[in-house]
Amino acid sequence: MKNLILALIFTCIGLNSVSANLKDTVVLEKYENGSVKKNYTILSEGYKVVSYYETGEISEIGYFNTNKEKSGEWVSYYKDGKVNSKASFKNDKKDGIWEFYDLTGKMTMTINYVNGKFKYAFKVDQNGGLIVKQ
């Protein structure tokens, strides 16, 4: 099913260069209970994916480029809507600053990637001190 949805999306993206009317087309993937699992919005530079918990809250928002690669910022959420993590991709590789948060909204860790390679991390301990890993 997932492959069929992705094939439909990329067919529309390919057609998008012919017809600007397909921009902002939304394709839905649903849970068995009928609630929306994911929606895909076709954009001129690829598509946006919004994933949902089965109960309807947004769980993740991210982007793919026209080459089917993760690209740009991806944000995941706790069920209460608070940010769980922020990640950055470039051509399907981890790239840039990744941030992780606890349930209270406090940042707990930051990781830096460059072109898919780990560079360093800062972790906040229970007392608010920084632990650095290189």
C-alpha atoms as a PDB file:
ATOM      1  CA  MET A   1       0.000   0.000   0.000  1.00  0.00           C
ATOM      2  CA  LYS A   2       2.793   2.405   0.935  1.00  0.00           C
ATOM      3  CA  ASN A   3       4.554   1.755  -2.401  1.00  0.00           C
ATOM      4  CA  LEU A   4       1.309   2.396  -4.270  1.00  0.00           C
ATOM      5  CA  ILE A   5       0.853   5.731  -2.477  1.00  0.00           C
ATOM      6  CA  LEU A   6       4.457   6.756  -3.140  1.00  0.00           C
ATOM      7  CA  ALA A   7       4.109   5.762  -6.812  1.00  0.00           C
ATOM      8  CA  LEU A   8       0.982   7.925  -7.057  1.00  0.00           C
ATOM      9  CA  ILE A   9       2.736  10.841  -5.394  1.00  0.00           C
ATOM     10  CA  PHE A  10       5.747  10.702  -7.673  1.00  0.00           C
ATOM     11  CA  THR A  11       3.585  10.264 -10.744  1.00  0.00           C
ATOM     12  CA  CYS A  12       1.813  13.463  -9.728  1.00  0.00           C
ATOM     13  CA  ILE A  13       5.148  15.175  -9.045  1.00  0.00           C
ATOM     14  CA  GLY A  14       6.311  14.187 -12.519  1.00  0.00           C
ATOM     15  CA  LEU A  15       3.084  15.545 -13.971  1.00  0.00           C
ATOM     16  CA  ASN A  16       3.500  18.652 -11.860  1.00  0.00           C
ATOM     17  CA  SER A  17       6.095  19.943 -14.281  1.00  0.00           C
ATOM     18  CA  VAL A  18       3.417  19.750 -16.998  1.00  0.00           C
ATOM     19  CA  SER A  19       0.497  21.099 -14.994  1.00  0.00           C
ATOM     20  CA  ALA A  20       0.806  23.588 -12.151  1.00  0.00           C
ATOM     21  CA  ASN A  21      -2.752  22.641 -11.132  1.00  0.00           C
ATOM     22  CA  LEU A  22      -1.447  19.587  -9.245  1.00  0.00           C
ATOM     23  CA  LYS A  23       0.469  21.723  -6.748  1.00  0.00           C
ATOM     24  CA  ASP A  24      -0.907  21.286  -3.237  1.00  0.00           C
ATOM     25  CA  THR A  25      -2.629  18.003  -4.150  1.00  0.00           C
ATOM     26  CA  VAL A  26      -3.151  15.942  -1.004  1.00  0.00           C
ATOM     27  CA  VAL A  27      -2.985  12.143  -0.897  1.00  0.00           C
ATOM     28  CA  LEU A  28      -4.149  10.426   2.279  1.00  0.00           C
ATOM     29  CA  GLU A  29      -3.088   7.180   3.925  1.00  0.00           C
ATOM     30  CA  LYS A  30      -5.462   5.955   6.649  1.00  0.00           C
ATOM     31  CA  TYR A  31      -5.453   3.664   9.675  1.00  0.00           C
ATOM     32  CA  GLU A  32      -7.875   0.729   9.722  1.00  0.00           C
ATOM     33  CA  ASN A  33     -10.172   2.750  12.002  1.00  0.00           C
ATOM     34  CA  GLY A  34     -10.491   5.405   9.257  1.00  0.00           C
ATOM     35  CA  SER A  35      -8.427   8.134  10.904  1.00  0.00           C
ATOM     36  CA  VAL A  36      -5.723   9.787   8.824  1.00  0.00           C
ATOM     37  CA  LYS A  37      -2.293   8.145   9.213  1.00  0.00           C
ATOM     38  CA  LYS A  38      -0.378  10.351   6.771  1.00  0.00           C
ATOM     39  CA  ASN A  39      -1.114  13.035   4.263  1.00  0.00           C
ATOM     40  CA  TYR A  40       1.185  13.932   1.415  1.00  0.00           C
ATOM     41  CA  THR A  41       1.030  17.398  -0.097  1.00  0.00           C
ATOM     42  CA  ILE A  42       2.667  17.692  -3.486  1.00  0.00           C
ATOM     43  CA  LEU A  43       4.866  20.762  -3.831  1.00  0.00           C
ATOM     44  CA  SER A  44       6.886  22.039  -6.779  1.00  0.00           C
ATOM     45  CA  GLU A  45      10.147  20.929  -5.108  1.00  0.00           C
ATOM     46  CA  GLY A  46       8.911  17.531  -3.836  1.00  0.00           C
ATOM     47  CA  TYR A  47       6.328  16.775  -1.199  1.00  0.00           C
ATOM     48  CA  LYS A  48       5.454  17.361   2.435  1.00  0.00           C
ATOM     49  CA  VAL A  49       4.453  14.486   4.711  1.00  0.00           C
ATOM     50  CA  VAL A  50       2.384  14.928   7.856  1.00  0.00           C
ATOM     51  CA  SER A  51       2.083  11.794  10.003  1.00  0.00           C
ATOM     52  CA  TYR A  52      -0.532  11.377  12.718  1.00  0.00           C
ATOM     53  CA  TYR A  53      -1.028   9.261  15.803  1.00  0.00           C
ATOM     54  CA  GLU A  54      -4.029   6.948  15.477  1.00  0.00           C
ATOM     55  CA  THR A  55      -5.874   9.288  17.847  1.00  0.00           C
ATOM     56  CA  GLY A  56      -5.453  12.220  15.414  1.00  0.00           C
ATOM     57  CA  GLU A  57      -2.591  14.272  16.863  1.00  0.00           C
ATOM     58  CA  ILE A  58       0.311  15.173  14.558  1.00  0.00           C
ATOM     59  CA  SER A  59       3.324  12.929  15.187  1.00  0.00           C
ATOM     60  CA  GLU A  60       5.745  14.175  12.515  1.00  0.00           C
ATOM     61  CA  ILE A  61       6.127  16.690   9.690  1.00  0.00           C
ATOM     62  CA  GLY A  62       8.846  16.396   7.063  1.00  0.00           C
ATOM     63  CA  TYR A  63       9.777  16.886   3.432  1.00  0.00           C
ATOM     64  CA  PHE A  64      11.047  14.798   0.526  1.00  0.00           C
ATOM     65  CA  ASN A  65      12.629  16.252  -2.597  1.00  0.00           C
ATOM     66  CA  THR A  66      11.751  15.159  -6.142  1.00  0.00           C
ATOM     67  CA  ASN A  67      14.398  12.399  -5.900  1.00  0.00           C
ATOM     68  CA  LYS A  68      12.444  10.749  -3.020  1.00  0.00           C
ATOM     69  CA  GLU A  69      15.125  11.834  -0.504  1.00  0.00           C
ATOM     70  CA  LYS A  70      14.470  13.353   2.899  1.00  0.00           C
ATOM     71  CA  SER A  71      15.250  17.032   2.642  1.00  0.00           C
ATOM     72  CA  GLY A  72      14.999  20.006   4.986  1.00  0.00           C
ATOM     73  CA  GLU A  73      13.577  20.089   8.488  1.00  0.00           C
ATOM     74  CA  TRP A  74      11.726  17.154  10.056  1.00  0.00           C
ATOM     75  CA  VAL A  75       9.905  17.733  13.334  1.00  0.00           C
ATOM     76  CA  SER A  76       8.416  15.016  15.538  1.00  0.00           C
ATOM     77  CA  TYR A  77       5.867  15.681  18.271  1.00  0.00           C
ATOM     78  CA  TYR A  78       4.667  14.123  21.488  1.00  0.00           C
ATOM     79  CA  LYS A  79       0.937  13.353  21.608  1.00  0.00           C
ATOM     80  CA  ASP A  80       0.323  16.555  23.585  1.00  0.00           C
ATOM     81  CA  GLY A  81       1.689  18.621  20.676  1.00  0.00           C
ATOM     82  CA  LYS A  82       5.020  19.534  22.239  1.00  0.00           C
ATOM     83  CA  VAL A  83       8.116  19.106  20.083  1.00  0.00           C
ATOM     84  CA  ASN A  84       9.980  15.830  20.642  1.00  0.00           C
ATOM     85  CA  SER A  85      12.777  16.454  18.140  1.00  0.00           C
ATOM     86  CA  LYS A  86      13.895  18.588  15.217  1.00  0.00           C
ATOM     87  CA  ALA A  87      16.096  17.072  12.547  1.00  0.00           C
ATOM     88  CA  SER A  88      17.621  18.265   9.300  1.00  0.00           C
ATOM     89  CA  PHE A  89      18.338  16.304   6.123  1.00  0.00           C
ATOM     90  CA  LYS A  90      20.049  17.097   2.846  1.00  0.00           C
ATOM     91  CA  ASN A  91      19.691  14.602  -0.004  1.00  0.00           C
ATOM     92  CA  ASP A  92      18.591  11.850   2.424  1.00  0.00           C
ATOM     93  CA  LYS A  93      21.603  12.372   4.710  1.00  0.00           C
ATOM     94  CA  LYS A  94      21.593  13.772   8.229  1.00  0.00           C
ATOM     95  CA  ASP A  95      22.867  17.315   7.905  1.00  0.00           C
ATOM     96  CA  GLY A  96      22.822  20.151  10.382  1.00  0.00           C
ATOM     97  CA  ILE A  97      21.724  20.522  13.983  1.00  0.00           C
ATOM     98  CA  TRP A  98      19.381  17.945  15.511  1.00  0.00           C
ATOM     99  CA  GLU A  99      17.607  18.891  18.741  1.00  0.00           C
ATOM    100  CA  PHE A 100      15.834  16.629  21.241  1.00  0.00           C
ATOM    101  CA  TYR A 101      13.379  17.725  23.941  1.00  0.00           C
ATOM    102  CA  ASP A 102      11.782  16.115  26.981  1.00  0.00           C
ATOM    103  CA  LEU A 103       8.061  16.149  27.778  1.00  0.00           C
ATOM    104  CA  THR A 104       8.386  19.495  29.561  1.00  0.00           C
ATOM    105  CA  GLY A 105       9.823  21.171  26.458  1.00  0.00           C
ATOM    106  CA  LYS A 106      13.365  21.344  27.835  1.00  0.00           C
ATOM    107  CA  MET A 107      16.119  20.607  25.308  1.00  0.00           C
ATOM    108  CA  THR A 108      18.005  17.489  26.390  1.00  0.00           C
ATOM    109  CA  MET A 109      20.469  16.965  23.557  1.00  0.00           C
ATOM    110  CA  THR A 110      21.864  18.583  20.419  1.00  0.00           C
ATOM    111  CA  ILE A 111      23.712  16.656  17.722  1.00  0.00           C
ATOM    112  CA  ASN A 112      25.514  18.108  14.719  1.00  0.00           C
ATOM    113  CA  TYR A 113      25.820  16.157  11.456  1.00  0.00           C
ATOM    114  CA  VAL A 114      27.599  17.215   8.287  1.00  0.00           C
ATOM    115  CA  ASN A 115      26.775  15.323   5.098  1.00  0.00           C
ATOM    116  CA  GLY A 116      25.614  12.261   7.033  1.00  0.00           C
ATOM    117  CA  LYS A 117      28.565  12.150   9.408  1.00  0.00           C
ATOM    118  CA  PHE A 118      28.380  12.718  13.163  1.00  0.00           C
ATOM    119  CA  LYS A 119      30.464  15.705  14.301  1.00  0.00           C
ATOM    120  CA  TYR A 120      29.595  16.325  17.956  1.00  0.00           C
ATOM    121  CA  ALA A 121      26.814  16.184  20.547  1.00  0.00           C
ATOM    122  CA  PHE A 122      25.846  18.172  23.622  1.00  0.00           C
ATOM    123  CA  LYS A 123      23.726  16.445  26.217  1.00  0.00           C
ATOM    124  CA  VAL A 124      22.164  18.175  29.196  1.00  0.00           C
ATOM    125  CA  ASP A 125      22.377  16.151  32.416  1.00  0.00           C
ATOM    126  CA  GLN A 126      19.839  16.174  35.280  1.00  0.00           C
ATOM    127  CA  ASN A 127      21.566  19.161  36.909  1.00  0.00           C
ATOM    128  CA  GLY A 128      21.632  21.267  33.753  1.00  0.00           C
ATOM    129  CA  GLY A 129      25.296  20.575  33.049  1.00  0.00           C
ATOM    130  CA  LEU A 130      26.594  19.881  29.550  1.00  0.00           C
ATOM    131  CA  ILE A 131      28.184  16.619  28.462  1.00  0.00           C
ATOM    132  CA  VAL A 132      30.090  16.957  25.190  1.00  0.00           C
ATOM    133  CA  LYS A 133      30.825  14.044  22.854  1.00  0.00           C
ATOM    134  CA  GLN A 134      33.052  14.454  19.810  1.00  0.00           C
END
